Amino acid sequence: MSTLRGQLVGWLARLRQRASLYDATQDQAAAFRAQQMQAVLRLTPLAMSIQLVCALVVPLALWRESRHEALLPWAGAITMLAVLSFRAWWQSRARPPRRTASPRSLRRVLWHALLLGSLWALLPLMTYDLTDPESRYLVGVLVTGMVCAGGFALAAVPVAGTLFVALVGSGAASALALRGGALAHVFAMQLAGYSAIVIYTVWASARMMAARMVAEARASHQSDVISLLLRDFEDHTTDLLWELDGDYRFVHVSPRLATVFGLSESRLRLEPALALLEELVPQEDEALARWAELKAMLTQRESFRDQILITRTATGGKWWSLSARRLADDDGRFKGWRGVASDITERQKAMQRLNWLAHNDALTGLVNRTQLRSLLEGLLTGDPDTTQPLALILLDLDGFKQVNDTQGHATGDLLLQLFGQAVQQALQHLRERVVIGSAADDDGELVATQAG
């Protein structure tokens, strides 16, 4: 006995597993059940309207067969179930869509399918002995149509759809057996095959819906994870993620992007990005040249790397290195850009500082000996016919070595700085035509060259 019981439990477990539409966590299953309920509710107005029409038509059509005592209660029960279903649907419209549903909600659908299927199974049993061919034809058409319509209306909850189809089909088959006849068994086999096809289709439709729900849930989870990672990336780096659509407007504008550019999120979303960026570009030769290169890349709609953009921001000038990938649809049509903007302001400042130190004296800020020699060579080796006149002035600080020796190098350095500033101020009105350089050594020389 225990062995038989164990086999029965195992068989029921396997059946339950095969009947399961999805393998999901409790939270996911609750969300999936809510979607199943919404699918049933969407068809409720149409399905219950058909039920009400049938509840009215069947008693009127069979009135002459004097089945009032059976058909009127039947029609009343159908009407009551339809009204209750309409009520549930109407109440659901007044509430926001449910994101989760309990197993109890699906059990209510099962009870509804059980009651409605039982009522429709009773109709052929109550009318199997009708003598009027047209009345029998009407009942046959209604029952056959209800097997199909009811199954598909409940396809989102396949157990309920199967229960409804099995009940109605069993009632019709029982009526055929009670009526008898030479072709009764043929009609019963056709009805069984028809019901089996409907049940198979119900489960196929339910599994397709379940596969779609699982895929959407997986895609949503992956999207949440990616969004979280991107947010974390933006919060912990100086880089900015950006995306443009086919009309060159920003997509998914982040608060940080708006803060960096000093523009509102709505303006970044609504106005063309090229026009907005052009407003932020300083009116300087290098900035304008860099912007022209980047704009050409964007208008050519080809992927690019390490394009420089110089902008004015609320915190001062910024240098950005932009890299982007061209987006296209399945047909290869341009859809926009997606890329990253790296803040290279500090790196650029460091490079400018190194370049300045390579050509200038760190102490006085004047052109250093190497740069001065290069400038002089250029002036002296140029074409005599086109070279402008120049003057070379050598200023030597007498006793500078003595200051260094007696007062220390700090005092000597301060003397050089003050003397350099004095020379610059004295020649400030000629700064467009004069180069002041430092060839500083122990004698503290300063050199000024004038062209023109």
Protein backbone atom coordinates (compact mmCIF):
# COMPACT_ATOMS: atom_id res chain seq x y z
CA MET A 1 0.00 0.00 0.00
CA SER A 2 2.82 2.37 0.90
CA THR A 3 4.55 1.54 -2.37
CA LEU A 4 1.42 2.40 -4.33
CA ARG A 5 1.04 5.62 -2.40
CA GLY A 6 4.64 6.58 -3.09
CA GLN A 7 4.21 5.91 -6.79
CA LEU A 8 1.07 8.04 -6.81
CA VAL A 9 2.84 10.91 -5.06
CA GLY A 10 5.75 10.67 -7.51
CA TRP A 11 3.41 10.64 -10.47
CA LEU A 12 1.58 13.71 -9.16
CA ALA A 13 4.90 15.50 -8.59
CA ARG A 14 6.01 14.77 -12.16
CA LEU A 15 2.63 15.90 -13.47
CA ARG A 16 2.89 19.14 -11.49
CA GLN A 17 6.38 19.70 -12.82
CA ARG A 18 5.28 19.16 -16.40
CA ALA A 19 2.31 21.48 -15.86
CA SER A 20 4.61 24.24 -14.54
CA LEU A 21 5.06 26.99 -17.11
CA TYR A 22 8.22 28.53 -15.68
CA ASP A 23 11.00 27.93 -13.21
CA ALA A 24 11.17 31.14 -11.21
CA THR A 25 11.79 32.59 -7.77
CA GLN A 26 8.84 33.49 -5.57
CA ASP A 27 9.03 37.17 -6.53
CA GLN A 28 9.27 36.36 -10.23
CA ALA A 29 6.40 33.85 -10.00
CA ALA A 30 4.22 36.47 -8.30
CA ALA A 31 4.96 38.92 -11.12
CA PHE A 32 4.23 36.26 -13.75
CA ARG A 33 0.92 35.40 -12.09
CA ALA A 34 -0.05 39.07 -12.22
CA GLN A 35 0.60 39.10 -15.97
CA GLN A 36 -1.50 35.95 -16.38
CA MET A 37 -4.35 37.58 -14.48
CA GLN A 38 -4.10 40.71 -16.63
CA ALA A 39 -4.27 38.59 -19.78
CA VAL A 40 -7.49 36.92 -18.55
CA LEU A 41 -9.00 40.25 -17.48
CA ARG A 42 -8.33 41.81 -20.88
CA LEU A 43 -10.61 39.22 -22.50
CA THR A 44 -13.23 39.31 -19.76
CA PRO A 45 -15.56 41.96 -21.32
CA LEU A 46 -15.78 40.14 -24.66
CA ALA A 47 -16.04 36.65 -23.14
CA MET A 48 -18.73 37.63 -20.63
CA SER A 49 -20.70 39.56 -23.25
CA ILE A 50 -20.87 36.33 -25.27
CA GLN A 51 -22.03 34.49 -22.14
CA LEU A 52 -24.85 37.00 -21.60
CA VAL A 53 -25.96 36.75 -25.21
CA CYS A 54 -26.01 32.96 -24.95
CA ALA A 55 -27.95 33.13 -21.67
CA LEU A 56 -30.59 35.15 -23.50
CA VAL A 57 -30.63 33.31 -26.84
CA VAL A 58 -30.74 29.69 -25.58
CA PRO A 59 -33.95 29.95 -23.48
CA LEU A 60 -35.69 31.97 -26.20
CA ALA A 61 -34.68 29.56 -28.96
CA LEU A 62 -35.71 26.49 -26.98
CA TRP A 63 -38.81 28.01 -25.43
CA ARG A 64 -41.12 25.99 -27.65
CA GLU A 65 -39.45 22.79 -26.39
CA SER A 66 -40.93 23.51 -22.93
CA ARG A 67 -37.61 23.30 -21.03
CA HIS A 68 -38.35 26.36 -18.89
CA GLU A 69 -37.79 24.69 -15.52
CA ALA A 70 -34.21 23.71 -16.50
CA LEU A 71 -33.12 26.45 -18.91
CA LEU A 72 -34.18 29.47 -16.86
CA PRO A 73 -32.08 28.51 -13.80
CA TRP A 74 -29.23 27.64 -16.17
CA ALA A 75 -29.47 31.03 -17.86
CA GLY A 76 -29.71 32.74 -14.46
CA ALA A 77 -26.54 31.01 -13.24
CA ILE A 78 -24.68 31.98 -16.45
CA THR A 79 -25.87 35.58 -16.03
CA MET A 80 -24.77 35.70 -12.40
CA LEU A 81 -21.25 34.44 -13.23
CA ALA A 82 -20.99 36.93 -16.09
CA VAL A 83 -22.08 39.83 -13.87
CA LEU A 84 -19.56 38.86 -11.18
CA SER A 85 -16.81 38.67 -13.80
CA PHE A 86 -17.81 42.09 -15.17
CA ARG A 87 -17.69 43.45 -11.64
CA ALA A 88 -14.18 42.12 -11.06
CA TRP A 89 -13.03 43.54 -14.38
CA TRP A 90 -14.56 46.96 -13.63
CA GLN A 91 -12.92 47.09 -10.21
CA SER A 92 -9.57 46.23 -11.73
CA ARG A 93 -9.85 49.22 -14.08
CA ALA A 94 -10.14 51.60 -11.12
CA ARG A 95 -6.86 50.30 -9.64
CA PRO A 96 -3.34 50.55 -11.02
CA PRO A 97 -2.18 47.34 -12.69
CA ARG A 98 -1.09 44.79 -10.15
CA ARG A 99 2.58 43.91 -10.22
CA THR A 100 2.18 40.70 -8.24
CA ALA A 101 -0.53 38.12 -7.67
CA SER A 102 -0.87 35.28 -5.19
CA PRO A 103 -1.60 31.65 -6.06
CA ARG A 104 -5.04 32.28 -4.57
CA SER A 105 -5.91 34.59 -7.46
CA LEU A 106 -5.21 31.78 -9.95
CA ARG A 107 -7.31 29.41 -7.86
CA ARG A 108 -10.22 31.82 -8.21
CA VAL A 109 -9.82 31.58 -11.99
CA LEU A 110 -9.90 27.80 -11.65
CA TRP A 111 -13.10 27.91 -9.61
CA HIS A 112 -14.68 30.23 -12.17
CA ALA A 113 -13.67 27.87 -15.00
CA LEU A 114 -15.05 24.92 -13.03
CA LEU A 115 -18.44 26.56 -12.45
CA LEU A 116 -18.80 27.96 -15.96
CA GLY A 117 -17.59 24.73 -17.59
CA SER A 118 -20.02 22.71 -15.48
CA LEU A 119 -22.93 24.91 -16.56
CA TRP A 120 -22.03 24.52 -20.21
CA ALA A 121 -21.59 20.78 -19.71
CA LEU A 122 -25.16 20.65 -18.38
CA LEU A 123 -26.66 22.25 -21.51
CA PRO A 124 -26.22 19.22 -23.85
CA LEU A 125 -27.26 16.88 -21.00
CA MET A 126 -30.48 18.84 -20.52
CA THR A 127 -31.26 18.97 -24.23
CA TYR A 128 -29.98 15.65 -25.61
CA ASP A 129 -33.53 14.42 -26.29
CA LEU A 130 -34.65 17.45 -28.33
CA THR A 131 -36.75 16.46 -31.30
CA ASP A 132 -36.36 19.61 -33.36
CA PRO A 133 -33.29 19.31 -35.65
CA GLU A 134 -32.70 23.07 -35.62
CA SER A 135 -32.66 23.15 -31.82
CA ARG A 136 -30.17 20.27 -31.71
CA TYR A 137 -28.06 22.06 -34.31
CA LEU A 138 -28.11 25.27 -32.22
CA VAL A 139 -27.00 23.44 -29.06
CA GLY A 140 -24.24 21.62 -30.99
CA VAL A 141 -22.89 24.84 -32.51
CA LEU A 142 -22.95 26.67 -29.17
CA VAL A 143 -21.21 23.87 -27.28
CA THR A 144 -18.56 23.38 -29.98
CA GLY A 145 -17.88 27.12 -30.18
CA MET A 146 -17.72 27.37 -26.39
CA VAL A 147 -15.07 24.62 -26.25
CA CYS A 148 -12.84 26.69 -28.53
CA ALA A 149 -13.69 30.19 -27.26
CA GLY A 150 -13.52 29.26 -23.60
CA GLY A 151 -10.21 27.46 -24.00
CA PHE A 152 -8.55 30.38 -25.73
CA ALA A 153 -10.04 32.95 -23.32
CA LEU A 154 -8.41 31.04 -20.44
CA ALA A 155 -5.18 30.17 -22.26
CA ALA A 156 -3.14 32.44 -19.97
CA VAL A 157 -4.07 30.05 -17.12
CA PRO A 158 -3.80 26.73 -19.00
CA VAL A 159 -5.01 24.55 -16.13
CA ALA A 160 -8.24 26.57 -16.07
CA GLY A 161 -8.52 26.38 -19.86
CA THR A 162 -7.97 22.62 -19.81
CA LEU A 163 -10.56 22.17 -17.04
CA PHE A 164 -13.17 24.19 -18.94
CA VAL A 165 -12.61 22.37 -22.25
CA ALA A 166 -12.61 18.95 -20.55
CA LEU A 167 -15.85 19.66 -18.70
CA VAL A 168 -17.74 20.98 -21.72
CA GLY A 169 -16.38 18.22 -23.97
CA SER A 170 -17.28 15.55 -21.40
CA GLY A 171 -20.82 16.91 -21.11
CA ALA A 172 -21.27 16.87 -24.87
CA ALA A 173 -19.83 13.34 -25.14
CA SER A 174 -22.16 12.14 -22.35
CA ALA A 175 -25.15 13.64 -24.16
CA LEU A 176 -24.16 11.80 -27.34
CA ALA A 177 -23.91 8.55 -25.38
CA LEU A 178 -27.34 9.10 -23.83
CA ARG A 179 -28.94 9.88 -27.17
CA GLY A 180 -27.31 6.94 -28.89
CA GLY A 181 -27.56 6.42 -32.63
CA ALA A 182 -25.52 4.81 -35.33
CA LEU A 183 -23.03 7.70 -35.56
CA ALA A 184 -22.90 8.61 -31.86
CA HIS A 185 -19.47 7.04 -31.37
CA VAL A 186 -18.13 8.80 -34.48
CA PHE A 187 -19.35 12.17 -33.22
CA ALA A 188 -17.88 11.43 -29.77
CA MET A 189 -14.46 10.60 -31.25
CA GLN A 190 -14.52 13.77 -33.35
CA LEU A 191 -15.44 15.80 -30.28
CA ALA A 192 -12.65 14.19 -28.24
CA GLY A 193 -10.10 14.92 -30.96
CA TYR A 194 -11.35 18.48 -31.31
CA SER A 195 -11.12 19.03 -27.53
CA ALA A 196 -7.62 17.51 -27.43
CA ILE A 197 -6.46 19.88 -30.17
CA VAL A 198 -7.90 22.85 -28.30
CA ILE A 199 -6.19 21.76 -25.06
CA TYR A 200 -2.88 21.27 -26.86
CA THR A 201 -3.20 24.74 -28.40
CA VAL A 202 -4.04 26.24 -25.01
CA TRP A 203 -0.85 24.83 -23.49
CA ALA A 204 1.26 25.83 -26.50
CA SER A 205 -0.06 29.38 -26.24
CA ALA A 206 0.54 29.42 -22.46
CA ARG A 207 4.12 28.21 -22.86
CA MET A 208 4.81 30.87 -25.49
CA MET A 209 3.45 33.50 -23.11
CA ALA A 210 5.56 32.08 -20.26
CA ALA A 211 8.68 32.10 -22.43
CA ARG A 212 8.01 35.74 -23.32
CA MET A 213 7.52 36.67 -19.64
CA VAL A 214 10.74 34.92 -18.62
CA ALA A 215 12.67 36.58 -21.45
CA GLU A 216 11.29 40.01 -20.53
CA ALA A 217 12.11 39.45 -16.86
CA ARG A 218 15.65 38.36 -17.74
CA ALA A 219 16.10 41.35 -20.04
CA SER A 220 14.74 43.69 -17.36
CA HIS A 221 17.12 42.23 -14.79
CA GLN A 222 20.07 42.58 -17.12
CA SER A 223 19.04 46.14 -17.90
CA ASP A 224 18.86 46.95 -14.18
CA VAL A 225 22.28 45.42 -13.58
CA ILE A 226 23.80 47.32 -16.50
CA SER A 227 22.17 50.58 -15.36
CA LEU A 228 23.52 50.03 -11.85
CA LEU A 229 27.01 49.35 -13.16
CA LEU A 230 26.90 52.38 -15.44
CA ARG A 231 25.67 54.59 -12.58
CA ASP A 232 28.45 53.28 -10.36
CA PHE A 233 30.91 53.86 -13.20
CA GLU A 234 29.79 57.47 -13.62
CA ASP A 235 29.81 58.13 -9.87
CA HIS A 236 33.38 56.93 -9.40
CA THR A 237 35.12 58.24 -12.51
CA THR A 238 35.51 61.53 -14.30
CA ASP A 239 34.18 59.97 -17.51
CA LEU A 240 30.71 60.70 -18.91
CA LEU A 241 28.55 58.25 -20.82
CA TRP A 242 26.56 59.83 -23.62
CA GLU A 243 24.23 58.80 -26.40
CA LEU A 244 22.72 60.67 -29.35
CA ASP A 245 19.73 59.59 -31.40
CA GLY A 246 19.39 59.86 -35.16
CA ASP A 247 18.41 63.53 -34.83
CA TYR A 248 21.55 64.29 -32.80
CA ARG A 249 19.67 64.76 -29.53
CA PHE A 250 20.90 63.43 -26.20
CA VAL A 251 19.32 60.19 -24.97
CA HIS A 252 19.21 59.12 -21.29
CA VAL A 253 20.49 62.42 -19.93
CA SER A 254 22.06 61.86 -16.52
CA PRO A 255 22.03 64.49 -13.75
CA ARG A 256 25.83 64.52 -13.84
CA LEU A 257 25.88 65.35 -17.55
CA ALA A 258 23.54 68.29 -16.91
CA THR A 259 25.66 69.45 -13.95
CA VAL A 260 28.95 69.31 -15.86
CA PHE A 261 27.59 71.31 -18.80
CA GLY A 262 25.56 73.65 -16.60
CA LEU A 263 22.37 72.99 -18.61
CA SER A 264 18.98 71.65 -17.59
CA GLU A 265 18.15 68.02 -18.32
CA SER A 266 15.07 69.02 -20.33
CA ARG A 267 17.12 71.33 -22.54
CA LEU A 268 19.73 68.64 -23.12
CA ARG A 269 16.99 66.22 -24.18
CA LEU A 270 15.01 68.59 -26.42
CA GLU A 271 17.59 70.71 -28.23
CA PRO A 272 20.06 69.38 -30.84
CA ALA A 273 23.33 68.38 -29.23
CA LEU A 274 25.48 70.04 -31.91
CA ALA A 275 23.89 73.44 -31.24
CA LEU A 276 24.25 73.03 -27.47
CA LEU A 277 27.89 72.00 -27.66
CA GLU A 278 28.71 74.82 -30.06
CA GLU A 279 27.49 77.28 -27.43
CA LEU A 280 29.89 75.76 -24.90
CA VAL A 281 32.97 75.92 -27.14
CA PRO A 282 35.24 78.91 -26.27
CA GLN A 283 35.88 81.35 -29.08
CA GLU A 284 39.56 80.45 -29.29
CA ASP A 285 41.47 79.17 -32.28
CA GLU A 286 42.42 75.78 -30.83
CA ALA A 287 38.96 75.15 -29.32
CA LEU A 288 37.21 76.07 -32.57
CA ALA A 289 39.58 73.91 -34.62
CA ARG A 290 39.00 70.92 -32.35
CA TRP A 291 35.23 71.46 -32.52
CA ALA A 292 35.32 71.57 -36.31
CA GLU A 293 37.12 68.20 -36.38
CA LEU A 294 34.63 66.61 -33.98
CA LYS A 295 31.62 68.04 -35.82
CA ALA A 296 32.95 66.64 -39.10
CA MET A 297 33.29 63.19 -37.50
CA LEU A 298 29.73 63.31 -36.20
CA THR A 299 28.25 64.41 -39.51
CA GLN A 300 30.19 61.69 -41.36
CA ARG A 301 28.40 59.11 -39.13
CA GLU A 302 31.47 56.95 -38.64
CA SER A 303 32.88 55.59 -35.38
CA PHE A 304 35.79 57.55 -33.94
CA ARG A 305 38.24 57.59 -31.03
CA ASP A 306 40.00 60.22 -28.94
CA GLN A 307 38.51 63.30 -30.56
CA ILE A 308 39.15 66.41 -28.47
CA LEU A 309 36.39 68.79 -27.34
CA ILE A 310 37.11 71.95 -25.33
CA THR A 311 34.16 73.44 -23.45
CA ARG A 312 33.32 76.15 -20.98
CA THR A 313 31.71 74.80 -17.83
CA ALA A 314 30.54 76.12 -14.49
CA THR A 315 33.91 75.12 -12.99
CA GLY A 316 36.04 76.55 -15.81
CA GLY A 317 37.43 75.25 -19.07
CA LYS A 318 37.32 71.51 -19.68
CA TRP A 319 39.14 69.26 -22.12
CA TRP A 320 37.30 66.10 -23.17
CA SER A 321 38.45 63.08 -25.15
CA LEU A 322 35.45 61.61 -26.99
CA SER A 323 35.15 58.11 -28.38
CA ALA A 324 31.92 56.77 -29.88
CA ARG A 325 30.42 53.92 -31.81
CA ARG A 326 27.93 54.40 -34.62
CA LEU A 327 24.51 52.84 -33.90
CA ALA A 328 22.46 51.26 -36.68
CA ASP A 329 19.23 49.27 -36.96
CA ASP A 330 18.88 45.80 -38.47
CA ASP A 331 18.82 47.32 -41.96
CA GLY A 332 22.02 49.29 -41.38
CA ARG A 333 20.27 52.65 -41.13
CA PHE A 334 21.92 55.22 -38.87
CA LYS A 335 20.33 55.41 -35.40
CA GLY A 336 22.75 57.64 -33.53
CA TRP A 337 25.86 57.47 -31.39
CA ARG A 338 26.86 55.87 -28.09
CA GLY A 339 30.14 56.70 -26.46
CA VAL A 340 32.17 57.99 -23.54
CA ALA A 341 33.68 61.39 -22.81
CA SER A 342 36.84 61.29 -20.70
CA ASP A 343 37.82 64.37 -18.74
CA ILE A 344 41.46 64.99 -19.69
CA THR A 345 41.66 68.52 -18.30
CA GLU A 346 44.30 67.70 -15.68
CA ARG A 347 46.31 65.68 -18.16
CA GLN A 348 46.14 68.54 -20.65
CA LYS A 349 47.19 71.06 -18.02
CA ALA A 350 50.13 68.82 -17.13
CA MET A 351 51.13 68.58 -20.78
CA GLN A 352 50.84 72.34 -21.19
CA ARG A 353 52.93 72.80 -18.08
CA LEU A 354 55.61 70.44 -19.37
CA ASN A 355 55.58 72.19 -22.72
CA TRP A 356 55.87 75.55 -21.01
CA LEU A 357 58.78 74.35 -18.87
CA ALA A 358 60.51 73.05 -22.00
CA HIS A 359 60.47 76.55 -23.51
CA ASN A 360 60.51 78.85 -20.49
CA ASP A 361 62.63 79.51 -17.43
CA ALA A 362 60.81 78.20 -14.34
CA LEU A 363 62.26 80.94 -12.12
CA THR A 364 61.47 84.09 -14.10
CA GLY A 365 58.78 82.78 -16.47
CA LEU A 366 60.72 84.16 -19.45
CA VAL A 367 61.69 82.28 -22.60
CA ASN A 368 64.60 79.99 -21.70
CA ARG A 369 68.03 79.78 -23.29
CA THR A 370 67.11 76.88 -25.62
CA GLN A 371 63.98 78.52 -26.95
CA LEU A 372 65.73 81.87 -27.28
CA ARG A 373 68.55 80.32 -29.31
CA SER A 374 65.97 78.65 -31.59
CA LEU A 375 64.15 81.94 -32.15
CA LEU A 376 67.37 83.78 -32.93
CA GLU A 377 68.51 81.08 -35.36
CA GLY A 378 65.21 81.37 -37.17
CA LEU A 379 65.54 85.11 -37.45
CA LEU A 380 69.19 85.06 -38.51
CA THR A 381 68.98 82.24 -41.04
CA GLY A 382 65.87 83.51 -42.80
CA ASP A 383 65.69 84.94 -46.32
CA PRO A 384 67.44 88.33 -46.24
CA ASP A 385 64.89 89.77 -48.65
CA THR A 386 61.93 88.93 -46.43
CA THR A 387 63.48 89.03 -42.93
CA GLN A 388 62.53 92.11 -40.96
CA PRO A 389 65.18 94.15 -39.12
CA LEU A 390 65.87 93.08 -35.56
CA ALA A 391 67.67 94.43 -32.53
CA LEU A 392 69.39 92.36 -29.87
CA ILE A 393 69.83 93.82 -26.40
CA LEU A 394 71.99 92.10 -23.80
CA LEU A 395 71.44 93.05 -20.19
CA ASP A 396 74.06 91.90 -17.73
CA LEU A 397 73.59 92.17 -13.99
CA ASP A 398 76.99 93.19 -12.65
CA GLY A 399 77.77 91.77 -9.27
CA PHE A 400 75.03 89.16 -9.45
CA LYS A 401 77.51 86.42 -8.58
CA GLN A 402 78.53 88.37 -5.50
CA VAL A 403 74.87 88.61 -4.41
CA ASN A 404 74.54 84.86 -4.77
CA ASP A 405 77.72 84.25 -2.80
CA THR A 406 77.03 86.67 0.04
CA GLN A 407 73.22 86.73 0.31
CA GLY A 408 72.43 83.20 -0.81
CA HIS A 409 70.73 81.71 -3.85
CA ALA A 410 67.24 82.54 -2.57
CA THR A 411 68.09 86.25 -2.65
CA GLY A 412 69.67 85.86 -6.07
CA ASP A 413 66.58 84.12 -7.39
CA LEU A 414 64.35 86.89 -6.01
CA LEU A 415 66.58 89.49 -7.66
CA LEU A 416 66.25 87.73 -11.02
CA GLN A 417 62.46 87.54 -10.66
CA LEU A 418 62.14 91.23 -9.78
CA PHE A 419 64.50 92.28 -12.56
CA GLY A 420 62.62 90.16 -15.11
CA GLN A 421 59.28 91.67 -14.04
CA ALA A 422 60.75 95.16 -14.31
CA VAL A 423 61.99 94.53 -17.86
CA GLN A 424 58.61 93.08 -18.90
CA GLN A 425 56.76 96.09 -17.49
CA ALA A 426 59.16 98.49 -19.21
CA LEU A 427 58.62 96.80 -22.62
CA GLN A 428 54.94 95.98 -22.11
CA HIS A 429 53.84 98.44 -24.81
CA LEU A 430 56.01 96.51 -27.30
CA ARG A 431 54.99 93.00 -26.22
CA GLU A 432 53.61 92.17 -29.68
CA ARG A 433 57.03 92.77 -31.25
CA VAL A 434 59.47 91.90 -28.46
CA VAL A 435 60.65 88.55 -27.11
CA ILE A 436 62.27 88.72 -23.68
CA GLY A 437 64.35 85.72 -22.80
CA SER A 438 66.53 84.56 -19.97
CA ALA A 439 70.03 83.24 -20.50
CA ALA A 440 70.56 83.37 -16.76
CA ASP A 441 73.85 82.19 -15.38
CA ASP A 442 75.98 83.47 -12.62
CA ASP A 443 76.13 86.88 -14.34
CA GLY A 444 72.32 87.03 -14.61
CA GLU A 445 71.94 87.92 -18.30
CA LEU A 446 68.60 88.93 -19.81
CA VAL A 447 68.21 89.22 -23.58
CA ALA A 448 65.55 91.12 -25.50
CA THR A 449 65.12 90.81 -29.25
CA GLN A 450 62.97 93.13 -31.34
CA ALA A 451 61.82 92.42 -34.85
CA GLY A 452 60.49 95.10 -37.13
